[in-house]
């Protein structure tokens, strides 16, 4: 008989392995919900809402939960809109952070935006309105892909 021992929650700083995260480019009437982070990582940067996948959770379950927690919205994930990696090294060359981020194209099913403590603000923006904002790397590309995926998806 084998017994499984619960693994402690992995540290987000100096992790033993990459951390899987999800985000959502939520499309509504040609605009995407963009969030400015209220705390690290990416404090003050405009990005997509999302977070870490929990053990035992599917990617779809994770993105629905994260968006509900951060924004109060219920969403329908349509398809993956790409991927991003965030690897940060400390001054000694050690890997301080390593995230693999899977952004989904999604649409709103219900709800009104109500921010939690992780987000400072949100804006519904057209892709052209991202220019000039401090954003996470590759955000404009993910947004463009997500809009195309949502527009092509059956209603």
Protein backbone atom coordinates (compact mmCIF):
# COMPACT_ATOMS: atom_id res chain seq x y z
CA UNK A 1 0.00 0.00 0.00
CA UNK A 2 1.50 3.32 -1.01
CA UNK A 3 0.88 6.47 0.90
CA UNK A 4 1.21 9.86 -0.66
CA UNK A 5 2.61 12.66 1.40
CA UNK A 6 1.22 16.10 0.60
CA UNK A 7 3.87 18.29 -0.94
CA UNK A 8 4.29 21.70 0.64
CA UNK A 9 3.28 24.69 -1.45
CA UNK A 10 6.15 25.51 -3.80
CA UNK A 11 7.91 28.80 -3.31
CA UNK A 12 7.46 31.35 -6.09
CA UNK A 13 10.96 32.64 -5.38
CA UNK A 14 13.80 30.23 -6.15
CA UNK A 15 11.41 27.45 -7.20
CA UNK A 16 12.56 23.84 -7.56
CA UNK A 17 10.86 23.71 -10.99
CA UNK A 18 8.96 26.04 -13.31
CA UNK A 19 5.58 27.25 -12.06
CA UNK A 20 2.61 26.91 -14.43
CA UNK A 21 0.30 29.92 -14.59
CA UNK A 22 -2.70 30.89 -16.72
CA UNK A 23 -4.05 34.25 -17.86
CA UNK A 24 -7.02 35.36 -19.92
CA UNK A 25 -7.40 37.85 -22.74
CA UNK A 26 -11.10 38.43 -22.13
CA UNK A 27 -12.66 39.89 -25.27
CA UNK A 28 -15.83 42.00 -25.31
CA UNK A 29 -16.91 44.06 -28.34
CA UNK A 30 -13.40 44.21 -29.82
CA UNK A 31 -11.80 45.26 -26.53
CA UNK A 32 -9.74 43.23 -24.06
CA UNK A 33 -9.71 43.49 -20.29
CA UNK A 34 -6.25 44.69 -19.28
CA UNK A 35 -5.23 44.82 -15.62
CA UNK A 36 -2.58 46.83 -13.78
CA UNK A 37 -1.01 44.67 -11.07
CA UNK A 38 -1.16 45.98 -7.50
CA UNK A 39 1.72 43.81 -6.24
CA UNK A 40 4.62 41.62 -7.33
CA UNK A 41 5.25 39.98 -9.66
CA UNK A 42 4.76 42.68 -12.30
CA UNK A 43 3.73 45.40 -9.82
CA UNK A 44 2.39 48.45 -11.71
CA UNK A 45 2.57 46.72 -15.09
CA UNK A 46 -0.44 46.28 -17.37
CA UNK A 47 -1.07 42.64 -18.15
CA UNK A 48 -3.79 40.01 -18.38
CA UNK A 49 -5.51 38.83 -15.21
CA UNK A 50 -4.64 35.31 -14.11
CA UNK A 51 -2.52 33.28 -11.72
CA UNK A 52 -0.98 29.98 -10.74
CA UNK A 53 -2.52 26.59 -11.53
CA UNK A 54 -3.20 24.63 -8.35
CA UNK A 55 -2.37 20.92 -8.00
CA UNK A 56 -5.23 18.77 -9.30
CA UNK A 57 -6.77 21.61 -11.29
CA UNK A 58 -7.21 21.57 -15.08
CA UNK A 59 -6.10 24.62 -17.05
CA UNK A 60 -9.74 25.55 -17.74
CA UNK A 61 -10.65 25.21 -14.07
CA UNK A 62 -7.63 27.32 -13.11
CA UNK A 63 -8.37 30.18 -15.51
CA UNK A 64 -12.06 30.30 -14.58
CA UNK A 65 -11.17 30.35 -10.85
CA UNK A 66 -8.42 32.96 -11.20
CA UNK A 67 -10.61 35.32 -13.26
CA UNK A 68 -13.52 34.94 -10.84
CA UNK A 69 -11.20 35.64 -7.87
CA UNK A 70 -9.46 38.64 -9.44
CA UNK A 71 -12.31 40.27 -11.37
CA UNK A 72 -15.64 38.74 -10.32
CA UNK A 73 -16.32 37.72 -13.94
CA UNK A 74 -17.46 34.31 -15.16
CA UNK A 75 -15.69 33.52 -18.43
CA UNK A 76 -15.67 30.94 -21.19
CA UNK A 77 -12.13 30.00 -22.25
CA UNK A 78 -12.07 29.63 -26.06
CA UNK A 79 -8.51 28.53 -26.89
CA UNK A 80 -4.89 29.06 -25.98
CA UNK A 81 -3.59 32.32 -27.45
CA UNK A 82 0.09 31.42 -27.15
CA UNK A 83 2.49 31.09 -24.25
CA UNK A 84 5.00 33.20 -22.37
CA UNK A 85 7.88 32.42 -20.07
CA UNK A 86 9.18 34.62 -17.29
CA UNK A 87 12.62 33.69 -16.02
CA UNK A 88 14.33 36.13 -13.68
CA UNK A 89 17.85 35.72 -12.36
CA UNK A 90 19.29 37.22 -9.20
CA UNK A 91 22.63 39.04 -9.02
CA UNK A 92 24.49 35.75 -8.58
CA UNK A 93 22.96 34.10 -11.64
CA UNK A 94 20.50 31.97 -9.65
CA UNK A 95 16.98 31.49 -10.99
CA UNK A 96 14.83 33.65 -8.72
CA UNK A 97 11.58 33.17 -10.71
CA UNK A 98 10.50 30.80 -13.48
CA UNK A 99 6.91 30.94 -14.71
CA UNK A 100 5.40 29.25 -17.77
CA UNK A 101 2.29 31.29 -18.58
CA UNK A 102 -0.53 29.97 -20.77
CA UNK A 103 -2.80 32.84 -21.92
CA UNK A 104 -6.31 31.92 -23.04
CA UNK A 105 -8.61 33.80 -25.37
CA UNK A 106 -11.92 34.06 -23.51
CA UNK A 107 -15.27 35.79 -23.49
CA UNK A 108 -17.44 37.03 -20.64
CA UNK A 109 -20.40 34.87 -19.66
CA UNK A 110 -21.63 37.00 -16.75
CA UNK A 111 -20.71 39.41 -14.01
CA UNK A 112 -19.39 42.91 -13.54
CA UNK A 113 -15.75 43.71 -12.84
CA UNK A 114 -14.98 43.85 -9.12
CA UNK A 115 -11.25 43.96 -8.36
CA UNK A 116 -9.53 42.03 -5.62
CA UNK A 117 -6.33 43.14 -3.85
CA UNK A 118 -4.08 41.79 -6.63
CA UNK A 119 -5.24 44.35 -9.21
CA UNK A 120 -4.94 48.14 -8.98
CA UNK A 121 -7.21 48.84 -11.97
CA UNK A 122 -8.63 47.32 -15.13
CA UNK A 123 -9.45 48.83 -18.49
CA UNK A 124 -11.31 47.53 -21.54
CA UNK A 125 -8.88 48.48 -24.33
CA UNK A 126 -8.60 48.09 -28.07
CA UNK A 127 -5.26 46.61 -29.21
CA UNK A 128 -4.12 50.02 -30.52
CA UNK A 129 -4.59 51.51 -27.03
CA UNK A 130 -1.86 49.30 -25.54
CA UNK A 131 0.88 51.40 -27.16
CA UNK A 132 2.64 53.57 -24.62
CA UNK A 133 1.50 51.57 -21.59
CA UNK A 134 4.07 49.63 -19.53
CA UNK A 135 3.00 46.06 -20.34
CA UNK A 136 4.29 42.55 -19.94
CA UNK A 137 6.42 41.36 -22.82
CA UNK A 138 4.41 40.20 -25.84
CA UNK A 139 1.05 41.42 -24.52
CA UNK A 140 0.01 43.09 -27.79
CA UNK A 141 0.67 39.88 -29.74
CA UNK A 142 -1.36 37.76 -27.31
CA UNK A 143 -4.23 40.29 -27.40
CA UNK A 144 -4.31 40.31 -31.22
CA UNK A 145 -4.33 36.50 -31.33
CA UNK A 146 -7.05 36.30 -28.66
CA UNK A 147 -9.34 38.74 -30.48
CA UNK A 148 -9.00 36.72 -33.70
CA UNK A 149 -9.72 33.45 -31.86
CA UNK A 150 -12.83 34.82 -30.14
CA UNK A 151 -14.13 36.38 -33.37
CA UNK A 152 -13.72 33.00 -35.17
CA UNK A 153 -15.29 30.93 -32.39
CA UNK A 154 -18.94 29.90 -32.65
CA UNK A 155 -21.26 31.77 -30.30
